[in-house]
């Protein structure tokens, strides 16, 4: 059976939709769409009608390219006001049937969440830290035999409006939401390796209006901080310095983020707000952009120290502006620790802005393969309703 997945990332600036097929241990892009986003502010939906219209446009484009209907999707939900809790639970197996099945794992996780879901909050994920089978630590308990199974996990929850504002819009378009995830988790899984899973990792995601800093310990997100700064600040700097209305276009089509990569002979000619014809020098423009990029990364660097006392083993940087020429060099100069900018190597979605969509699909597929039980959005609805 073909394994085809579609994911949706509703951003403040754009809405990304990606359709991938997992075949022969590789992910192949079948279709992707990116449409301007309206009705979203700082990652939260404020106008459902505008968001619905944009998603519908993107889905139609995907369906046209695929030649078939999309019926199920994975969706990113806002992590605003997220909470992380260490939970534990256990289940006793009957003597006549003590083999661990998916249902046993389900019950064990359900018990871990009892009395641990805050009123007005929805569980987004339960990431096992460890399982114990008769007091023996085990990575994957599926199909083993034991008398008692225990689990220790990190449960992440957000206000219900974060989840249902996204789910209700998507489902109103006759699409089933089969799983939800945070964008930071999607970004992490886009570059996830066994080596990273053994380290404490800081993941920086520079968005349009916000920058997210997430801390992962052994592959599990344990903390996140959202800062009100991002790519739009660069647009405002360009607009202020040159008195232009098409700052975003100039940034995306002409600018570089580092003076070392700029050409002082390159110019961009346009008409400013007062009707004057101006020539924007690429080198001068790069100084403005580099200054803002350095400021953002320095603030994030300071916040890492405030967020955790753990030793950071690696720093990963994602976001649309990280695709700008020269950004890698800025990051290398600022971070003494090992760090890198995400670079997707998949044909069709090489740009960093697709990282969360790609990683979300990897996350879902790996959980299906590992746990043999779909820890999906529907699963959490059933789980929390049964508490």
Protein backbone atom coordinates (compact mmCIF):
# COMPACT_ATOMS: atom_id res chain seq x y z
CA UNK A 1 0.00 0.00 0.00
CA UNK A 2 1.30 3.46 -0.92
CA UNK A 3 2.06 5.75 2.03
CA UNK A 4 1.07 9.27 1.00
CA UNK A 5 0.76 12.13 3.49
CA UNK A 6 -0.40 15.75 3.23
CA UNK A 7 0.54 18.41 5.80
CA UNK A 8 -0.56 22.01 6.34
CA UNK A 9 1.39 24.82 8.02
CA UNK A 10 -0.71 27.95 8.63
CA UNK A 11 1.80 30.76 9.01
CA UNK A 12 1.38 34.48 9.52
CA UNK A 13 2.86 35.30 6.10
CA UNK A 14 2.07 32.20 4.04
CA UNK A 15 0.21 28.90 4.21
CA UNK A 16 2.28 25.92 3.11
CA UNK A 17 0.79 22.59 1.99
CA UNK A 18 3.02 19.62 1.16
CA UNK A 19 2.14 16.17 -0.17
CA UNK A 20 4.85 13.49 0.17
CA UNK A 21 5.08 9.79 -0.57
CA UNK A 22 7.19 7.53 1.63
CA UNK A 23 8.67 4.81 -0.56
CA UNK A 24 11.74 2.64 -0.20
CA UNK A 25 12.77 4.50 2.99
CA UNK A 26 12.75 7.87 1.21
CA UNK A 27 10.36 10.81 1.07
CA UNK A 28 9.42 12.12 -2.37
CA UNK A 29 7.51 15.34 -3.00
CA UNK A 30 4.40 14.73 -5.10
CA UNK A 31 3.03 18.26 -4.86
CA UNK A 32 3.35 21.42 -2.84
CA UNK A 33 1.56 24.74 -2.62
CA UNK A 34 2.24 28.07 -0.98
CA UNK A 35 -0.40 30.80 -0.80
CA UNK A 36 -0.44 34.22 0.93
CA UNK A 37 -1.87 34.06 4.41
CA UNK A 38 -4.56 36.39 5.71
CA UNK A 39 -6.38 36.36 9.01
CA UNK A 40 -3.37 35.20 11.06
CA UNK A 41 -1.48 37.31 13.60
CA UNK A 42 1.58 36.11 15.49
CA UNK A 43 0.70 32.54 14.55
CA UNK A 44 -2.88 32.69 15.88
CA UNK A 45 -6.00 32.67 13.71
CA UNK A 46 -8.03 35.87 14.04
CA UNK A 47 -10.21 35.59 10.90
CA UNK A 48 -11.38 32.06 10.12
CA UNK A 49 -13.06 33.04 6.83
CA UNK A 50 -9.87 34.44 5.31
CA UNK A 51 -7.79 31.47 6.48
CA UNK A 52 -10.36 29.01 5.13
CA UNK A 53 -10.33 30.71 1.73
CA UNK A 54 -6.51 30.55 1.55
CA UNK A 55 -6.38 26.87 2.55
CA UNK A 56 -9.06 26.02 -0.01
CA UNK A 57 -6.99 27.70 -2.72
CA UNK A 58 -3.87 25.76 -1.72
CA UNK A 59 -5.70 22.43 -1.54
CA UNK A 60 -7.20 22.96 -5.00
CA UNK A 61 -3.72 23.56 -6.38
CA UNK A 62 -2.43 20.37 -4.75
CA UNK A 63 -5.40 18.32 -6.02
CA UNK A 64 -4.95 19.72 -9.52
CA UNK A 65 -1.31 18.65 -9.56
CA UNK A 66 -2.06 15.22 -8.11
CA UNK A 67 -5.19 14.55 -10.13
CA UNK A 68 -6.99 13.25 -7.03
CA UNK A 69 -8.85 14.47 -3.95
CA UNK A 70 -7.19 15.12 -0.60
CA UNK A 71 -9.28 13.75 2.28
CA UNK A 72 -6.91 13.62 5.27
CA UNK A 73 -4.23 16.01 6.46
CA UNK A 74 -1.70 16.59 9.22
CA UNK A 75 -1.80 20.09 10.69
CA UNK A 76 0.48 22.36 12.67
CA UNK A 77 -1.19 24.10 15.62
CA UNK A 78 0.02 27.23 17.46
CA UNK A 79 2.20 26.55 20.49
CA UNK A 80 1.26 29.82 22.22
CA UNK A 81 1.00 29.26 26.00
CA UNK A 82 2.22 25.67 25.71
CA UNK A 83 2.85 23.74 28.92
CA UNK A 84 5.11 20.73 29.43
CA UNK A 85 4.47 18.19 32.19
CA UNK A 86 6.29 15.02 33.24
CA UNK A 87 3.63 12.33 33.59
CA UNK A 88 3.81 8.65 34.48
CA UNK A 89 1.41 5.75 34.36
CA UNK A 90 1.25 1.98 34.42
CA UNK A 91 -0.93 -0.95 33.53
CA UNK A 92 -1.01 -4.53 34.85
CA UNK A 93 -1.30 -7.28 32.26
CA UNK A 94 -3.42 -10.39 32.88
CA UNK A 95 -1.49 -13.60 33.61
CA UNK A 96 -3.16 -15.50 30.79
CA UNK A 97 -2.34 -12.82 28.19
CA UNK A 98 0.69 -10.73 29.14
CA UNK A 99 1.87 -9.69 25.69
CA UNK A 100 2.12 -5.91 25.17
CA UNK A 101 -0.14 -4.77 22.34
CA UNK A 102 -0.97 -1.36 20.96
CA UNK A 103 -4.03 -1.30 23.19
CA UNK A 104 -1.85 -1.94 26.27
CA UNK A 105 0.44 0.97 25.34
CA UNK A 106 -2.67 3.10 24.78
CA UNK A 107 -3.98 2.26 28.26
CA UNK A 108 -0.59 2.94 29.84
CA UNK A 109 -0.40 6.41 28.28
CA UNK A 110 -4.02 7.07 29.16
CA UNK A 111 -3.29 6.33 32.80
CA UNK A 112 -0.29 8.67 32.64
CA UNK A 113 -2.57 11.53 31.59
CA UNK A 114 -5.17 10.99 34.31
CA UNK A 115 -5.58 14.15 36.38
CA UNK A 116 -2.77 15.80 34.39
CA UNK A 117 -4.78 17.64 31.72
CA UNK A 118 -5.52 21.23 32.74
CA UNK A 119 -9.03 22.56 32.35
CA UNK A 120 -9.37 24.44 29.07
CA UNK A 121 -6.27 22.78 27.60
CA UNK A 122 -5.86 20.12 24.93
CA UNK A 123 -3.09 17.53 24.81
CA UNK A 124 -1.05 17.79 21.61
CA UNK A 125 1.54 15.09 22.25
CA UNK A 126 2.71 12.54 24.78
CA UNK A 127 6.36 11.72 24.13
CA UNK A 128 7.62 8.68 26.10
CA UNK A 129 10.89 9.25 27.93
CA UNK A 130 11.16 5.59 28.88
CA UNK A 131 9.13 2.42 29.28
CA UNK A 132 9.67 -0.14 32.02
CA UNK A 133 8.62 -3.74 31.63
CA UNK A 134 8.75 -5.43 35.07
CA UNK A 135 11.25 -2.72 36.16
CA UNK A 136 13.48 -3.27 33.10
CA UNK A 137 13.98 -0.13 30.97
CA UNK A 138 13.02 -0.80 27.34
CA UNK A 139 12.80 1.43 24.29
CA UNK A 140 9.93 -0.27 22.47
CA UNK A 141 7.68 -2.52 24.56
CA UNK A 142 5.50 -3.68 21.69
CA UNK A 143 5.07 -7.47 21.53
CA UNK A 144 7.18 -8.25 24.62
CA UNK A 145 5.73 -10.17 27.57
CA UNK A 146 5.61 -8.75 31.10
CA UNK A 147 3.39 -8.51 34.14
CA UNK A 148 3.49 -4.72 34.45
CA UNK A 149 4.21 -1.96 31.94
CA UNK A 150 5.14 1.55 33.11
CA UNK A 151 5.77 4.74 31.16
CA UNK A 152 7.33 8.10 31.95
CA UNK A 153 6.54 10.77 29.36
CA UNK A 154 6.44 14.48 28.53
CA UNK A 155 2.91 15.70 27.86
CA UNK A 156 2.57 18.98 25.96
CA UNK A 157 -0.71 20.89 26.06
CA UNK A 158 -2.07 24.17 24.71
CA UNK A 159 -5.31 26.11 25.20
CA UNK A 160 -8.14 24.38 23.35
CA UNK A 161 -8.69 27.40 21.10
CA UNK A 162 -5.22 26.84 19.60
CA UNK A 163 -6.23 23.37 18.46
CA UNK A 164 -9.84 23.84 17.50
CA UNK A 165 -9.35 27.11 15.64
CA UNK A 166 -7.18 25.16 13.21
CA UNK A 167 -9.09 21.86 13.24
CA UNK A 168 -12.52 23.43 12.75
CA UNK A 169 -11.41 25.41 9.69
CA UNK A 170 -9.76 22.40 8.05
CA UNK A 171 -12.66 20.08 8.80
CA UNK A 172 -15.12 22.64 7.41
CA UNK A 173 -13.40 22.01 4.06
CA UNK A 174 -14.30 18.29 4.28
CA UNK A 175 -10.79 17.33 5.34
CA UNK A 176 -10.09 15.06 8.30
CA UNK A 177 -7.31 16.16 10.66
CA UNK A 178 -5.55 12.90 11.53
CA UNK A 179 -2.76 14.40 13.63
CA UNK A 180 -1.53 17.72 15.01
CA UNK A 181 1.95 18.88 15.94
CA UNK A 182 3.88 22.03 16.85
CA UNK A 183 6.01 23.71 14.18
CA UNK A 184 9.13 23.36 16.34
CA UNK A 185 8.65 19.58 16.42
CA UNK A 186 8.18 19.55 12.66
CA UNK A 187 11.38 21.55 12.15
CA UNK A 188 13.31 19.23 14.46
CA UNK A 189 12.12 16.10 12.70
CA UNK A 190 13.10 17.55 9.32
CA UNK A 191 16.75 17.12 10.35
CA UNK A 192 16.40 14.50 13.09
CA UNK A 193 19.29 12.01 13.40
CA UNK A 194 20.31 9.43 16.04
CA UNK A 195 23.19 11.74 16.97
CA UNK A 196 20.86 14.72 17.62
CA UNK A 197 18.55 12.46 19.64
CA UNK A 198 21.39 11.92 22.11
CA UNK A 199 21.99 15.64 22.67
CA UNK A 200 20.32 18.71 24.09
CA UNK A 201 19.38 20.75 21.01
CA UNK A 202 18.27 24.38 20.70
CA UNK A 203 16.04 24.94 17.68
CA UNK A 204 15.54 28.50 16.44
CA UNK A 205 12.69 29.18 14.01
CA UNK A 206 12.66 32.74 12.64
CA UNK A 207 9.16 33.40 11.32
CA UNK A 208 7.48 36.47 9.92
CA UNK A 209 6.33 38.11 13.15
CA UNK A 210 7.74 35.76 15.78
CA UNK A 211 10.87 33.76 16.50
CA UNK A 212 10.52 30.49 18.39
CA UNK A 213 13.23 28.99 20.55
CA UNK A 214 12.64 25.35 21.49
CA UNK A 215 14.80 23.09 23.63
CA UNK A 216 14.90 19.37 22.80
CA UNK A 217 16.39 16.81 25.16
CA UNK A 218 17.03 13.42 23.55
CA UNK A 219 14.54 14.19 20.79
CA UNK A 220 11.77 15.44 23.08
CA UNK A 221 10.71 19.09 23.20
CA UNK A 222 10.80 20.20 26.84
CA UNK A 223 10.66 24.01 26.63
CA UNK A 224 9.72 26.75 24.18
CA UNK A 225 9.87 30.53 24.13
CA UNK A 226 8.13 32.76 21.56
CA UNK A 227 9.69 36.18 20.90
CA UNK A 228 8.01 39.01 18.99
CA UNK A 229 10.60 39.55 16.27
CA UNK A 230 11.15 38.07 12.84
CA UNK A 231 11.47 38.59 9.11
CA UNK A 232 8.93 41.40 9.07
CA UNK A 233 11.37 43.55 11.07
CA UNK A 234 13.75 43.35 8.11
CA UNK A 235 10.94 44.46 5.78
CA UNK A 236 10.26 47.43 8.05
CA UNK A 237 13.96 48.36 8.11
CA UNK A 238 14.10 48.36 4.30
CA UNK A 239 10.86 50.34 4.03
CA UNK A 240 12.06 52.94 6.55
CA UNK A 241 15.52 53.43 5.07
CA UNK A 242 14.45 53.62 1.42
CA UNK A 243 10.85 54.86 1.82
CA UNK A 244 9.47 52.03 -0.33
CA UNK A 245 6.27 49.98 -0.21
CA UNK A 246 7.64 46.82 -1.83
CA UNK A 247 10.26 46.03 0.84
CA UNK A 248 9.35 42.36 1.01
CA UNK A 249 9.80 41.97 -2.74
CA UNK A 250 13.19 43.69 -2.59
CA UNK A 251 14.28 41.40 0.25
CA UNK A 252 13.20 38.21 -1.53
CA UNK A 253 14.37 39.05 -5.05
CA UNK A 254 17.47 41.16 -4.60
CA UNK A 255 18.90 41.25 -1.07
CA UNK A 256 21.58 39.15 0.61
CA UNK A 257 21.96 38.92 4.39
CA UNK A 258 25.73 39.30 4.68
CA UNK A 259 28.06 42.03 3.36
CA UNK A 260 30.65 39.42 2.39
CA UNK A 261 28.25 38.05 -0.22
CA UNK A 262 27.03 41.41 -1.56
CA UNK A 263 28.08 43.02 -4.83
CA UNK A 264 28.66 46.76 -4.55
CA UNK A 265 28.01 47.12 -8.30
CA UNK A 266 24.56 45.53 -8.12
CA UNK A 267 21.61 47.95 -7.84
CA UNK A 268 17.84 47.65 -7.63
CA UNK A 269 15.94 50.46 -9.30
CA UNK A 270 12.45 51.36 -8.08
CA UNK A 271 10.09 54.25 -7.33
CA UNK A 272 9.76 55.23 -3.66
CA UNK A 273 6.70 56.51 -1.82
CA UNK A 274 7.26 60.14 -2.85
CA UNK A 275 7.54 59.24 -6.53
CA UNK A 276 11.32 59.45 -6.77
CA UNK A 277 13.37 57.00 -8.78
CA UNK A 278 16.01 55.45 -6.52
CA UNK A 279 18.84 52.95 -6.91
CA UNK A 280 19.32 50.58 -3.97
CA UNK A 281 22.89 49.34 -3.71
CA UNK A 282 23.11 45.66 -2.73
CA UNK A 283 26.08 46.18 -0.43
CA UNK A 284 24.42 49.02 1.48
CA UNK A 285 21.20 47.01 1.73
CA UNK A 286 23.07 43.98 3.06
CA UNK A 287 24.44 46.07 5.95
CA UNK A 288 20.89 46.91 7.04
CA UNK A 289 19.73 43.29 6.82
CA UNK A 290 22.84 41.86 8.48
CA UNK A 291 22.45 44.25 11.40
CA UNK A 292 18.88 43.08 12.01
CA UNK A 293 19.77 39.37 11.62
CA UNK A 294 22.60 39.75 14.15
CA UNK A 295 20.26 41.52 16.57
CA UNK A 296 17.66 38.72 16.34
CA UNK A 297 20.23 35.95 16.82
CA UNK A 298 21.92 37.75 19.74
CA UNK A 299 18.58 38.07 21.54
CA UNK A 300 17.90 34.38 20.94
CA UNK A 301 21.38 33.48 22.17
CA UNK A 302 20.74 35.35 25.43
CA UNK A 303 17.35 33.67 25.76
CA UNK A 304 18.92 30.20 25.46
CA UNK A 305 20.83 30.86 28.69
CA UNK A 306 17.65 32.08 30.40
CA UNK A 307 15.58 29.12 29.20
CA UNK A 308 17.82 26.25 30.28
CA UNK A 309 20.90 25.46 32.36
CA UNK A 310 21.59 22.35 30.30
CA UNK A 311 24.64 22.24 28.08
CA UNK A 312 23.52 22.77 24.49
CA UNK A 313 25.04 20.15 22.20
CA UNK A 314 23.79 21.62 18.92
CA UNK A 315 21.89 24.62 17.55
CA UNK A 316 19.56 24.34 14.55
CA UNK A 317 18.20 27.41 12.77
CA UNK A 318 15.16 27.45 10.50
CA UNK A 319 12.81 29.97 8.91
CA UNK A 320 12.30 31.71 5.60
CA UNK A 321 15.07 34.31 6.00
CA UNK A 322 17.67 31.61 6.67
CA UNK A 323 17.51 30.80 2.96
CA UNK A 324 19.02 34.21 2.17
CA UNK A 325 22.57 34.13 0.85
CA UNK A 326 25.09 34.63 3.64
CA UNK A 327 22.87 33.78 6.61
CA UNK A 328 24.90 30.64 7.35
CA UNK A 329 28.01 32.77 7.87
CA UNK A 330 26.21 35.07 10.33
CA UNK A 331 25.09 32.09 12.38
CA UNK A 332 28.59 30.58 12.40
CA UNK A 333 30.12 33.84 13.64
CA UNK A 334 27.61 34.25 16.48
CA UNK A 335 27.41 30.73 17.85
CA UNK A 336 30.58 29.17 19.21
CA UNK A 337 28.82 25.83 19.65
CA UNK A 338 28.03 23.50 16.79
CA UNK A 339 25.25 25.06 14.74
CA UNK A 340 23.74 24.82 11.29
CA UNK A 341 20.92 26.21 9.18
CA UNK A 342 18.36 23.69 7.96
CA UNK A 343 18.85 22.77 4.32
CA UNK A 344 16.24 20.41 2.91
CA UNK A 345 17.57 18.10 0.22
CA UNK A 346 14.23 17.03 -1.22
CA UNK A 347 13.43 18.04 -4.77
CA UNK A 348 10.36 20.27 -4.78
CA UNK A 349 10.69 21.49 -1.18
CA UNK A 350 14.32 22.59 -0.85
CA UNK A 351 13.36 25.94 0.73
CA UNK A 352 13.51 26.13 4.54
CA UNK A 353 9.94 27.37 4.81
CA UNK A 354 8.74 23.84 4.02
CA UNK A 355 10.78 22.27 6.84
CA UNK A 356 7.92 22.08 9.36
CA UNK A 357 5.56 20.47 6.83
CA UNK A 358 8.16 17.90 5.85
CA UNK A 359 9.18 17.18 9.44
CA UNK A 360 5.55 16.80 10.53
CA UNK A 361 5.11 14.00 8.00
CA UNK A 362 8.31 12.31 9.20
CA UNK A 363 7.13 12.63 12.80
CA UNK A 364 3.77 11.02 12.07
CA UNK A 365 5.20 8.24 9.92
CA UNK A 366 7.91 7.36 12.47
CA UNK A 367 5.37 7.19 15.28
CA UNK A 368 3.25 4.82 13.21
CA UNK A 369 6.25 2.58 12.60
CA UNK A 370 7.61 2.75 16.14
CA UNK A 371 4.62 2.54 18.44
CA UNK A 372 2.25 0.50 16.26
CA UNK A 373 -0.46 2.77 17.56
CA UNK A 374 -1.60 6.00 15.95
CA UNK A 375 -0.97 8.74 18.53
CA UNK A 376 -3.14 11.02 16.47
CA UNK A 377 -5.38 13.99 17.02
CA UNK A 378 -8.39 11.65 17.15
CA UNK A 379 -6.49 9.46 19.60
CA UNK A 380 -5.99 12.41 21.96
CA UNK A 381 -9.66 13.37 21.72
CA UNK A 382 -10.62 9.83 22.75
CA UNK A 383 -7.89 9.78 25.39
CA UNK A 384 -8.82 13.01 27.11
CA UNK A 385 -12.57 12.38 26.89
CA UNK A 386 -12.02 9.09 28.68
CA UNK A 387 -10.21 10.63 31.63
